[in-house]
Amino acid sequence: MVKSKRTDWIKVRVTPEEKLEWEAKAHAGGLPMSELIRQSLQKVRVWNVKDRSIERERTVQIARIGNNLNQLARWANTYKSALDTIQVITYLKEIRDQLKQLKYPPKKEEVIDTDDD
């Protein structure tokens, strides 16, 4: 694979403290500053309004599920001797396993909000 030659420049204003921090990170990683910045930007996920609204709704739904699970668990703990408790606990475990399988957007070290609200 042939690499393109990097010819364009991007200038960024930073405080002296930020510059020292970035230089220290680059040095610690054995990287030139430009490579540190390139690698860091590859880990950023930019959110747009649609992404945020979907994620907000997903969070609300999961919170509701969590509240319902807490109510069921409280009931099961109150009526430990009842035969129905075994069935409730079985359902709780199934729900837990299904929640673990929920897929979220890939985790990124940093998220940049592109909206000004």
Protein backbone atom coordinates (compact mmCIF):
# COMPACT_ATOMS: atom_id res chain seq x y z
CA MET A 1 0.00 0.00 0.00
CA VAL A 2 1.42 3.36 -1.04
CA LYS A 3 1.10 6.10 1.55
CA SER A 4 0.12 9.56 0.46
CA LYS A 5 2.61 12.24 1.32
CA ARG A 6 1.31 14.58 3.96
CA THR A 7 1.46 18.09 2.60
CA ASP A 8 -1.36 19.99 4.33
CA TRP A 9 -1.06 21.74 7.68
CA ILE A 10 -3.61 22.26 10.46
CA LYS A 11 -2.77 24.87 13.06
CA VAL A 12 -4.30 24.76 16.52
CA ARG A 13 -4.01 27.33 19.27
CA VAL A 14 -3.31 25.88 22.70
CA THR A 15 -2.27 27.24 26.07
CA PRO A 16 1.34 26.77 27.14
CA GLU A 17 0.13 24.22 29.71
CA GLU A 18 -1.74 22.23 27.06
CA LYS A 19 1.31 22.25 24.81
CA LEU A 20 3.53 20.94 27.62
CA GLU A 21 0.98 18.23 28.46
CA TRP A 22 0.73 17.11 24.82
CA GLU A 23 4.50 17.13 24.42
CA ALA A 24 4.87 15.03 27.57
CA LYS A 25 2.30 12.51 26.29
CA ALA A 26 4.00 12.32 22.91
CA HIS A 27 7.39 11.83 24.54
CA ALA A 28 6.02 9.16 26.92
CA GLY A 29 4.53 7.31 23.96
CA GLY A 30 7.66 7.68 21.85
CA LEU A 31 5.68 9.51 19.17
CA PRO A 32 6.04 12.77 17.35
CA MET A 33 3.34 15.25 18.37
CA SER A 34 1.63 14.99 14.96
CA GLU A 35 1.30 11.21 15.25
CA LEU A 36 -0.07 11.47 18.80
CA ILE A 37 -2.73 13.89 17.55
CA ARG A 38 -3.58 11.71 14.53
CA GLN A 39 -3.98 8.61 16.71
CA SER A 40 -6.04 10.53 19.26
CA LEU A 41 -8.43 11.83 16.62
CA GLN A 42 -8.99 8.30 15.36
CA LYS A 43 -10.51 7.47 18.77
CA VAL A 44 -13.05 10.32 18.72
CA ARG A 45 -16.69 9.67 17.90
CA VAL A 46 -18.61 12.74 16.78
CA TRP A 47 -22.24 12.80 17.89
CA ASN A 48 -25.01 14.42 15.93
CA VAL A 49 -28.56 15.20 17.00
CA LYS A 50 -29.91 11.85 15.75
CA ASP A 51 -27.22 9.86 17.59
CA ARG A 52 -27.86 11.72 20.83
CA SER A 53 -31.62 11.35 20.68
CA ILE A 54 -31.33 7.61 20.00
CA GLU A 55 -28.84 7.17 22.83
CA ARG A 56 -30.98 9.25 25.20
CA GLU A 57 -34.05 7.08 24.42
CA ARG A 58 -32.02 3.91 24.89
CA THR A 59 -30.81 5.16 28.27
CA VAL A 60 -34.37 5.98 29.36
CA GLN A 61 -35.59 2.53 28.32
CA ILE A 62 -32.77 0.78 30.15
CA ALA A 63 -33.48 2.86 33.27
CA ARG A 64 -37.14 1.81 33.12
CA ILE A 65 -36.14 -1.82 32.76
CA GLY A 66 -33.79 -1.42 35.73
CA ASN A 67 -36.59 0.03 37.85
CA ASN A 68 -38.88 -2.86 36.97
CA LEU A 69 -36.13 -5.36 37.75
CA ASN A 70 -35.58 -3.75 41.15
CA GLN A 71 -39.29 -4.05 41.94
CA LEU A 72 -39.29 -7.72 40.93
CA ALA A 73 -36.14 -8.42 42.95
CA ARG A 74 -37.66 -6.70 46.00
CA TRP A 75 -40.78 -8.86 45.64
CA ALA A 76 -38.68 -12.02 45.30
CA ASN A 77 -36.67 -11.12 48.40
CA THR A 78 -39.85 -10.43 50.39
CA TYR A 79 -41.48 -13.75 49.49
CA LYS A 80 -38.43 -16.01 49.51
CA SER A 81 -40.34 -19.09 50.57
CA ALA A 82 -42.97 -18.93 47.84
CA LEU A 83 -42.69 -21.26 44.85
CA ASP A 84 -43.33 -18.32 42.48
CA THR A 85 -40.07 -16.76 43.63
CA ILE A 86 -38.09 -19.39 41.75
CA GLN A 87 -39.91 -18.53 38.55
CA VAL A 88 -39.41 -14.78 39.09
CA ILE A 89 -35.70 -15.27 39.73
CA THR A 90 -35.45 -17.36 36.56
CA TYR A 91 -37.09 -14.54 34.58
CA LEU A 92 -34.80 -11.99 36.21
CA LYS A 93 -31.75 -13.98 35.14
CA GLU A 94 -33.06 -14.22 31.58
CA ILE A 95 -33.67 -10.47 31.47
CA ARG A 96 -30.20 -9.82 32.88
CA ASP A 97 -28.65 -11.99 30.19
CA GLN A 98 -30.61 -10.21 27.46
CA LEU A 99 -29.59 -6.79 28.78
CA LYS A 100 -25.95 -7.86 28.67
CA GLN A 101 -26.37 -8.56 24.97
CA LEU A 102 -27.52 -5.03 24.13
CA LYS A 103 -25.16 -3.45 21.66
CA TYR A 104 -23.97 0.08 22.26
CA PRO A 105 -22.02 2.36 19.95
CA PRO A 106 -18.30 1.53 20.11
CA LYS A 107 -16.67 3.00 23.17
CA LYS A 108 -14.42 5.90 22.41
CA GLU A 109 -12.14 7.67 24.80
CA GLU A 110 -13.78 10.97 24.02
CA VAL A 111 -17.01 12.14 22.46
CA ILE A 112 -17.27 15.52 20.77
CA ASP A 113 -20.66 17.20 20.79
CA THR A 114 -21.22 18.93 17.45
CA ASP A 115 -24.30 20.88 18.59
CA ASP A 116 -24.32 24.18 20.45
CA ASP A 117 -27.34 23.51 22.71
